[in-house]
C-alpha atoms as a PDB file:
ATOM      1  CA  MET A   1       2.476  16.890 -12.896  1.00  0.00           C
ATOM      2  CA  LYS A   2       5.407  14.774 -11.068  1.00  0.00           C
ATOM      3  CA  ALA A   3       4.106  11.927  -9.198  1.00  0.00           C
ATOM      4  CA  SER A   4       5.175   8.183  -8.244  1.00  0.00           C
ATOM      5  CA  VAL A   5       3.366   5.034  -9.337  1.00  0.00           C
ATOM      6  CA  ILE A   6       2.593   2.578  -6.669  1.00  0.00           C
ATOM      7  CA  LEU A   7       3.034  -1.384  -8.021  1.00  0.00           C
ATOM      8  CA  PRO A   8       2.522  -3.590  -5.301  1.00  0.00           C
ATOM      9  CA  ALA A   9       3.735  -6.953  -7.450  1.00  0.00           C
ATOM     10  CA  HIS A  10       3.439 -10.611  -6.328  1.00  0.00           C
ATOM     11  CA  ASN A  11       5.102 -13.525  -8.891  1.00  0.00           C
ATOM     12  CA  GLU A  12       3.974 -11.331 -11.986  1.00  0.00           C
ATOM     13  CA  GLY A  13       6.924 -11.900 -13.787  1.00  0.00           C
ATOM     14  CA  ARG A  14       4.805 -12.298 -16.352  1.00  0.00           C
ATOM     15  CA  ASN A  15       3.516  -9.007 -16.338  1.00  0.00           C
ATOM     16  CA  ILE A  16       5.649  -6.418 -14.803  1.00  0.00           C
ATOM     17  CA  ALA A  17       7.765  -4.860 -17.896  1.00  0.00           C
ATOM     18  CA  LYS A  18       4.317  -4.309 -19.748  1.00  0.00           C
ATOM     19  CA  VAL A  19       2.907  -2.160 -16.721  1.00  0.00           C
ATOM     20  CA  ILE A  20       6.008  -0.698 -16.094  1.00  0.00           C
ATOM     21  CA  ARG A  21       6.362   0.625 -20.227  1.00  0.00           C
ATOM     22  CA  LYS A  22       2.850   1.273 -19.823  1.00  0.00           C
ATOM     23  CA  ILE A  23       3.704   4.162 -16.792  1.00  0.00           C
ATOM     24  CA  ASN A  24       6.750   5.661 -18.947  1.00  0.00           C
ATOM     25  CA  LYS A  25       4.527   5.976 -22.354  1.00  0.00           C
ATOM     26  CA  ALA A  26       1.930   7.950 -20.391  1.00  0.00           C
ATOM     27  CA  GLY A  27       4.531  10.215 -18.453  1.00  0.00           C
ATOM     28  CA  ASN A  28       7.708  10.912 -16.631  1.00  0.00           C
ATOM     29  CA  TYR A  29       6.583   9.393 -13.676  1.00  0.00           C
ATOM     30  CA  GLU A  30       8.941   7.719 -10.760  1.00  0.00           C
ATOM     31  CA  ILE A  31       7.532   3.681 -10.666  1.00  0.00           C
ATOM     32  CA  ILE A  32       8.136   1.901  -7.100  1.00  0.00           C
ATOM     33  CA  VAL A  33       7.354  -1.938  -7.562  1.00  0.00           C
ATOM     34  CA  VAL A  34       7.201  -3.455  -4.039  1.00  0.00           C
ATOM     35  CA  ASP A  35       8.154  -6.531  -5.087  1.00  0.00           C
ATOM     36  CA  ASP A  36       5.983  -8.747  -2.274  1.00  0.00           C
ATOM     37  CA  GLY A  37       7.667 -12.128  -1.689  1.00  0.00           C
ATOM     38  CA  SER A  38       7.543 -13.385  -5.335  1.00  0.00           C
ATOM     39  CA  THR A  39       8.778 -16.815  -5.847  1.00  0.00           C
ATOM     40  CA  ASP A  40       9.005 -16.032  -9.484  1.00  0.00           C
ATOM     41  CA  ASN A  41      11.291 -13.609 -11.651  1.00  0.00           C
ATOM     42  CA  THR A  42       9.134  -9.964 -10.519  1.00  0.00           C
ATOM     43  CA  ILE A  43      11.995  -8.651  -9.171  1.00  0.00           C
ATOM     44  CA  ASN A  44      14.819  -9.710 -11.322  1.00  0.00           C
ATOM     45  CA  ILE A  45      12.880  -8.446 -14.690  1.00  0.00           C
ATOM     46  CA  ALA A  46      11.580  -4.995 -12.474  1.00  0.00           C
ATOM     47  CA  LYS A  47      15.420  -3.990 -12.317  1.00  0.00           C
ATOM     48  CA  LYS A  48      15.517  -3.974 -15.885  1.00  0.00           C
ATOM     49  CA  GLU A  49      13.402  -1.315 -16.456  1.00  0.00           C
ATOM     50  CA  ASP A  50      13.386   1.811 -15.382  1.00  0.00           C
ATOM     51  CA  CYS A  51      12.122   2.011 -11.401  1.00  0.00           C
ATOM     52  CA  VAL A  52      12.925   1.972  -7.910  1.00  0.00           C
ATOM     53  CA  CYS A  53      12.533  -1.838  -6.574  1.00  0.00           C
ATOM     54  CA  VAL A  54      11.920  -3.069  -2.943  1.00  0.00           C
ATOM     55  CA  ARG A  55      11.796  -6.361  -2.772  1.00  0.00           C
ATOM     56  CA  LEU A  56      10.345  -8.195   0.566  1.00  0.00           C
ATOM     57  CA  ASN A  57      11.618 -11.610   1.713  1.00  0.00           C
ATOM     58  CA  LYS A  58       7.943 -12.868   2.602  1.00  0.00           C
ATOM     59  CA  ASN A  59       4.743 -12.276   1.392  1.00  0.00           C
ATOM     60  CA  MET A  60       3.374  -9.552   3.676  1.00  0.00           C
ATOM     61  CA  GLY A  61      -0.201  -8.446   1.692  1.00  0.00           C
ATOM     62  CA  LYS A  62      -0.872  -6.022  -1.124  1.00  0.00           C
ATOM     63  CA  GLY A  63      -1.676  -3.300   1.713  1.00  0.00           C
ATOM     64  CA  HIS A  64       1.463  -3.787   3.142  1.00  0.00           C
ATOM     65  CA  ALA A  65       3.145  -3.241  -0.442  1.00  0.00           C
ATOM     66  CA  CYS A  66       1.900  -0.355  -0.729  1.00  0.00           C
ATOM     67  CA  THR A  67       2.392   1.578   2.587  1.00  0.00           C
ATOM     68  CA  ILE A  68       6.268   0.568   1.867  1.00  0.00           C
ATOM     69  CA  GLY A  69       5.822   2.236  -1.519  1.00  0.00           C
ATOM     70  CA  ALA A  70       4.356   5.276  -0.180  1.00  0.00           C
ATOM     71  CA  LYS A  71       6.746   5.425   2.260  1.00  0.00           C
ATOM     72  CA  ILE A  72       9.744   6.003   0.097  1.00  0.00           C
ATOM     73  CA  ALA A  73       8.321   8.169  -2.421  1.00  0.00           C
ATOM     74  CA  THR A  74       9.766  11.209  -3.090  1.00  0.00           C
ATOM     75  CA  THR A  75       6.590  12.732  -4.594  1.00  0.00           C
ATOM     76  CA  ASN A  76       3.355  14.688  -3.230  1.00  0.00           C
ATOM     77  CA  ASN A  77       1.096  12.740  -4.859  1.00  0.00           C
ATOM     78  CA  LEU A  78       0.781   9.054  -5.231  1.00  0.00           C
ATOM     79  CA  VAL A  79      -0.787   6.964  -7.616  1.00  0.00           C
ATOM     80  CA  PHE A  80      -1.658   3.335  -6.632  1.00  0.00           C
ATOM     81  CA  ILE A  81      -2.236   1.027  -9.905  1.00  0.00           C
ATOM     82  CA  ASP A  82      -2.113  -3.090  -9.420  1.00  0.00           C
ATOM     83  CA  ALA A  83       1.086  -4.874 -11.598  1.00  0.00           C
ATOM     84  CA  ASP A  84      -1.369  -7.908 -13.803  1.00  0.00           C
ATOM     85  CA  ASN A  85      -1.778  -5.324 -16.528  1.00  0.00           C
ATOM     86  CA  GLN A  86      -5.645  -5.815 -16.514  1.00  0.00           C
ATOM     87  CA  LEU A  87      -5.697  -2.355 -15.347  1.00  0.00           C
ATOM     88  CA  ASN A  88      -4.724   0.524 -18.467  1.00  0.00           C
ATOM     89  CA  ALA A  89      -1.502   2.614 -16.648  1.00  0.00           C
ATOM     90  CA  LEU A  90      -1.900   5.057 -20.081  1.00  0.00           C
ATOM     91  CA  GLU A  91      -4.807   6.378 -17.866  1.00  0.00           C
ATOM     92  CA  ILE A  92      -2.532   7.738 -15.019  1.00  0.00           C
ATOM     93  CA  PRO A  93      -2.614  11.280 -16.710  1.00  0.00           C
ATOM     94  CA  ARG A  94      -6.759  11.467 -16.028  1.00  0.00           C
ATOM     95  CA  PHE A  95      -6.235  10.645 -12.812  1.00  0.00           C
ATOM     96  CA  LEU A  96      -3.646  12.914 -11.793  1.00  0.00           C
ATOM     97  CA  THR A  97      -5.632  15.810 -13.330  1.00  0.00           C
ATOM     98  CA  GLU A  98      -8.801  14.814 -11.277  1.00  0.00           C
ATOM     99  CA  LEU A  99      -6.756  14.631  -8.168  1.00  0.00           C
ATOM    100  CA  LYS A 100      -5.990  18.470  -8.266  1.00  0.00           C
ATOM    101  CA  LYS A 101      -9.713  19.369  -7.955  1.00  0.00           C
ATOM    102  CA  ASN A 102     -10.243  16.220  -5.264  1.00  0.00           C
ATOM    103  CA  ASP A 103      -8.289  14.487  -2.768  1.00  0.00           C
ATOM    104  CA  LEU A 104      -8.766  10.982  -3.451  1.00  0.00           C
ATOM    105  CA  VAL A 105      -9.339   9.590  -7.172  1.00  0.00           C
ATOM    106  CA  ILE A 106     -10.350   5.868  -7.000  1.00  0.00           C
ATOM    107  CA  GLY A 107     -10.959   3.310 -10.070  1.00  0.00           C
ATOM    108  CA  LYS A 108     -14.284   3.149 -11.036  1.00  0.00           C
ATOM    109  CA  ARG A 109     -14.642  -0.455 -13.314  1.00  0.00           C
ATOM    110  CA  ASP A 110     -17.594  -2.195 -14.868  1.00  0.00           C
ATOM    111  CA  LEU A 111     -18.902  -4.649 -12.849  1.00  0.00           C
ATOM    112  CA  LYS A 112     -20.820  -6.240 -15.273  1.00  0.00           C
ATOM    113  CA  ASN A 113     -17.898  -7.352 -17.226  1.00  0.00           C
ATOM    114  CA  ILE A 114     -15.529  -8.680 -14.571  1.00  0.00           C
ATOM    115  CA  PRO A 115     -15.533 -12.734 -13.612  1.00  0.00           C
ATOM    116  CA  LEU A 116     -18.719 -13.694 -10.997  1.00  0.00           C
ATOM    117  CA  GLN A 117     -16.381 -14.336  -7.645  1.00  0.00           C
ATOM    118  CA  ARG A 118     -15.519 -10.556  -8.324  1.00  0.00           C
ATOM    119  CA  ARG A 119     -18.630  -9.457  -9.079  1.00  0.00           C
ATOM    120  CA  LEU A 120     -20.286 -10.608  -6.271  1.00  0.00           C
ATOM    121  CA  SER A 121     -17.695  -9.311  -3.728  1.00  0.00           C
ATOM    122  CA  ASN A 122     -17.798  -6.105  -4.823  1.00  0.00           C
ATOM    123  CA  SER A 123     -21.712  -6.021  -4.779  1.00  0.00           C
ATOM    124  CA  PHE A 124     -21.610  -6.642  -1.361  1.00  0.00           C
ATOM    125  CA  ALA A 125     -18.857  -4.804  -0.441  1.00  0.00           C
ATOM    126  CA  LYS A 126     -20.689  -1.471  -2.444  1.00  0.00           C
ATOM    127  CA  ARG A 127     -23.731  -2.317  -1.210  1.00  0.00           C
ATOM    128  CA  VAL A 128     -22.703  -2.689   2.305  1.00  0.00           C
ATOM    129  CA  ILE A 129     -20.030   0.311   2.341  1.00  0.00           C
ATOM    130  CA  SER A 130     -22.370   3.162   0.538  1.00  0.00           C
ATOM    131  CA  LYS A 131     -24.742   2.570   3.405  1.00  0.00           C
ATOM    132  CA  SER A 132     -22.210   2.394   7.150  1.00  0.00           C
ATOM    133  CA  VAL A 133     -20.636   5.848   5.119  1.00  0.00           C
ATOM    134  CA  GLY A 134     -23.967   7.743   3.570  1.00  0.00           C
ATOM    135  CA  ARG A 135     -22.178   7.596   0.145  1.00  0.00           C
ATOM    136  CA  LYS A 136     -22.704   5.658  -2.955  1.00  0.00           C
ATOM    137  CA  PHE A 137     -20.114   4.237  -4.178  1.00  0.00           C
ATOM    138  CA  ASN A 138     -20.167   2.164  -7.420  1.00  0.00           C
ATOM    139  CA  ASP A 139     -16.862   0.675  -6.801  1.00  0.00           C
ATOM    140  CA  VAL A 140     -14.730   0.093  -3.615  1.00  0.00           C
ATOM    141  CA  MET A 141     -11.728  -2.160  -4.625  1.00  0.00           C
ATOM    142  CA  CYS A 142     -10.538  -0.994  -7.653  1.00  0.00           C
ATOM    143  CA  GLY A 143      -6.592  -1.165  -6.691  1.00  0.00           C
ATOM    144  CA  PHE A 144      -6.538   2.245  -9.440  1.00  0.00           C
ATOM    145  CA  ARG A 145      -5.958   5.268  -7.145  1.00  0.00           C
ATOM    146  CA  ALA A 146      -4.305   8.328  -6.319  1.00  0.00           C
ATOM    147  CA  ILE A 147      -3.887  10.554  -3.290  1.00  0.00           C
ATOM    148  CA  ASN A 148      -1.680  13.078  -1.840  1.00  0.00           C
ATOM    149  CA  LYS A 149       0.649  11.629  -0.086  1.00  0.00           C
ATOM    150  CA  GLU A 150      -0.178  13.893   3.400  1.00  0.00           C
ATOM    151  CA  ASP A 151      -3.647  12.582   3.029  1.00  0.00           C
ATOM    152  CA  PHE A 152      -2.731   8.985   2.944  1.00  0.00           C
ATOM    153  CA  SER A 153      -0.670   9.186   6.158  1.00  0.00           C
ATOM    154  CA  GLU A 154      -3.099  10.517   7.880  1.00  0.00           C
ATOM    155  CA  LEU A 155      -5.542   7.742   6.885  1.00  0.00           C
ATOM    156  CA  LYS A 156      -3.372   5.841   9.059  1.00  0.00           C
ATOM    157  CA  LEU A 157      -4.376   2.676   7.594  1.00  0.00           C
ATOM    158  CA  LYS A 158      -3.198  -0.675   9.908  1.00  0.00           C
ATOM    159  CA  ASN A 159      -4.753  -3.929   6.809  1.00  0.00           C
ATOM    160  CA  LYS A 160      -1.518  -5.172   5.313  1.00  0.00           C
ATOM    161  CA  ARG A 161      -3.680  -7.133   2.707  1.00  0.00           C
ATOM    162  CA  TYR A 162      -6.829  -6.743   0.119  1.00  0.00           C
ATOM    163  CA  GLU A 163      -8.822  -5.055   2.937  1.00  0.00           C
ATOM    164  CA  PHE A 164      -6.480  -1.975   2.587  1.00  0.00           C
ATOM    165  CA  GLU A 165      -8.798  -0.436  -0.228  1.00  0.00           C
ATOM    166  CA  VAL A 166     -11.993  -0.466   1.714  1.00  0.00           C
ATOM    167  CA  GLU A 167     -10.311   0.469   4.660  1.00  0.00           C
ATOM    168  CA  MET A 168      -8.546   3.676   2.523  1.00  0.00           C
ATOM    169  CA  LEU A 169     -12.556   4.750   1.278  1.00  0.00           C
ATOM    170  CA  VAL A 170     -13.908   4.201   4.760  1.00  0.00           C
ATOM    171  CA  LYS A 171     -11.264   6.422   6.347  1.00  0.00           C
ATOM    172  CA  ALA A 172     -11.699   8.562   3.617  1.00  0.00           C
ATOM    173  CA  VAL A 173     -14.800   9.541   4.102  1.00  0.00           C
ATOM    174  CA  ARG A 174     -15.023   9.521   8.037  1.00  0.00           C
ATOM    175  CA  ASN A 175     -11.542  12.133   7.380  1.00  0.00           C
ATOM    176  CA  ARG A 176     -13.663  14.381   5.276  1.00  0.00           C
ATOM    177  CA  LEU A 177     -11.815  14.139   2.137  1.00  0.00           C
ATOM    178  CA  LYS A 178     -13.300  15.233  -1.025  1.00  0.00           C
ATOM    179  CA  ILE A 179     -13.646  11.729  -3.223  1.00  0.00           C
ATOM    180  CA  LYS A 180     -14.164  11.358  -6.670  1.00  0.00           C
ATOM    181  CA  GLU A 181     -14.607   8.341  -9.194  1.00  0.00           C
ATOM    182  CA  MET A 182     -12.998   7.820 -12.370  1.00  0.00           C
ATOM    183  CA  PRO A 183     -14.297   5.207 -14.711  1.00  0.00           C
ATOM    184  CA  VAL A 184     -11.244   2.497 -16.015  1.00  0.00           C
ATOM    185  CA  THR A 185     -11.317   0.012 -18.671  1.00  0.00           C
ATOM    186  CA  VAL A 186     -10.232  -3.002 -17.491  1.00  0.00           C
ATOM    187  CA  LYS A 187      -9.415  -6.591 -19.622  1.00  0.00           C
ATOM    188  CA  TYR A 188      -9.659  -9.767 -17.424  1.00  0.00           C
ATOM    189  CA  GLY A 189      -7.992 -13.021 -18.301  1.00  0.00           C
ATOM    190  CA  ILE A 190      -4.561 -12.182 -17.413  1.00  0.00           C
ATOM    191  CA  GLY A 191      -2.847 -11.554 -14.188  1.00  0.00           C
ATOM    192  CA  SER A 192      -3.461 -12.499 -11.160  1.00  0.00           C
ATOM    193  CA  SER A 193      -6.861 -12.695  -9.031  1.00  0.00           C
ATOM    194  CA  MET A 194      -7.673 -12.514  -5.374  1.00  0.00           C
ATOM    195  CA  PRO A 195      -8.111 -16.061  -3.601  1.00  0.00           C
ATOM    196  CA  ILE A 196     -11.143 -17.052  -1.876  1.00  0.00           C
ATOM    197  CA  TRP A 197      -9.905 -16.767   1.225  1.00  0.00           C
ATOM    198  CA  GLU A 198      -8.960 -13.148   1.022  1.00  0.00           C
ATOM    199  CA  SER A 199     -12.075 -12.168  -0.423  1.00  0.00           C
ATOM    200  CA  ILE A 200     -13.744 -13.577   2.746  1.00  0.00           C
ATOM    201  CA  LYS A 201     -11.235 -11.538   5.239  1.00  0.00           C
ATOM    202  CA  VAL A 202     -12.331  -8.517   2.950  1.00  0.00           C
ATOM    203  CA  GLY A 203     -16.540  -9.195   3.881  1.00  0.00           C
ATOM    204  CA  GLY A 204     -15.275  -9.694   7.190  1.00  0.00           C
ATOM    205  CA  TYR A 205     -13.378  -6.358   7.992  1.00  0.00           C
ATOM    206  CA  ILE A 206     -16.312  -4.630   5.490  1.00  0.00           C
ATOM    207  CA  LEU A 207     -19.173  -6.387   8.252  1.00  0.00           C
ATOM    208  CA  GLU A 208     -16.660  -4.973  10.588  1.00  0.00           C
ATOM    209  CA  SER A 209     -16.721  -1.883   9.299  1.00  0.00           C
ATOM    210  CA  VAL A 210     -20.064  -1.182   9.684  1.00  0.00           C
ATOM    211  CA  VAL A 211     -20.523  -2.573  13.728  1.00  0.00           C
ATOM    212  CA  ARG A 212     -17.330  -0.106  14.132  1.00  0.00           C
ATOM    213  CA  LYS A 213     -19.502   3.031  13.059  1.00  0.00           C
END
């Protein structure tokens, strides 16, 4: 199944090549690396691999990087996955199989195994969002997801940073997209983590989305 795999990357020079190679093992996909203003060698390493590379001159945020990648993708099936190697890119074919029967496939991590800060923010997010949209979700902030390019464009996502994932889910529900949660494996202690101020911003967006309901 043809697909474009989009990797938003910020200072992931230690991990980006590993992720790209896993994607190539998973299947013959278009790989798009959007370097979100990294100050390390992320873009130089990515250019040595078999992928499309886009370099942003300054850090614009994960959501912005994902949107840029989606715009230049040449296939109808989009897969978003983090570039820090915490998620397993070998699971991409499972997402694409489910995408044949659904409009949006989102990763579902075992929240018991994630660091405390993320566990708290994710627990808060899933409870508030689930109540807001009238449907229970187990993980609303996982960066591993798949969606059709046309459906993605119709969501008209505005948030440029980590709120991007929550906004995508909320608007997908309100647009009556068929959504499937897919269990994924994850390992921590490597790669990047969400800064605490970004967690606060996400919390603010979540509360705002409830008010706008």
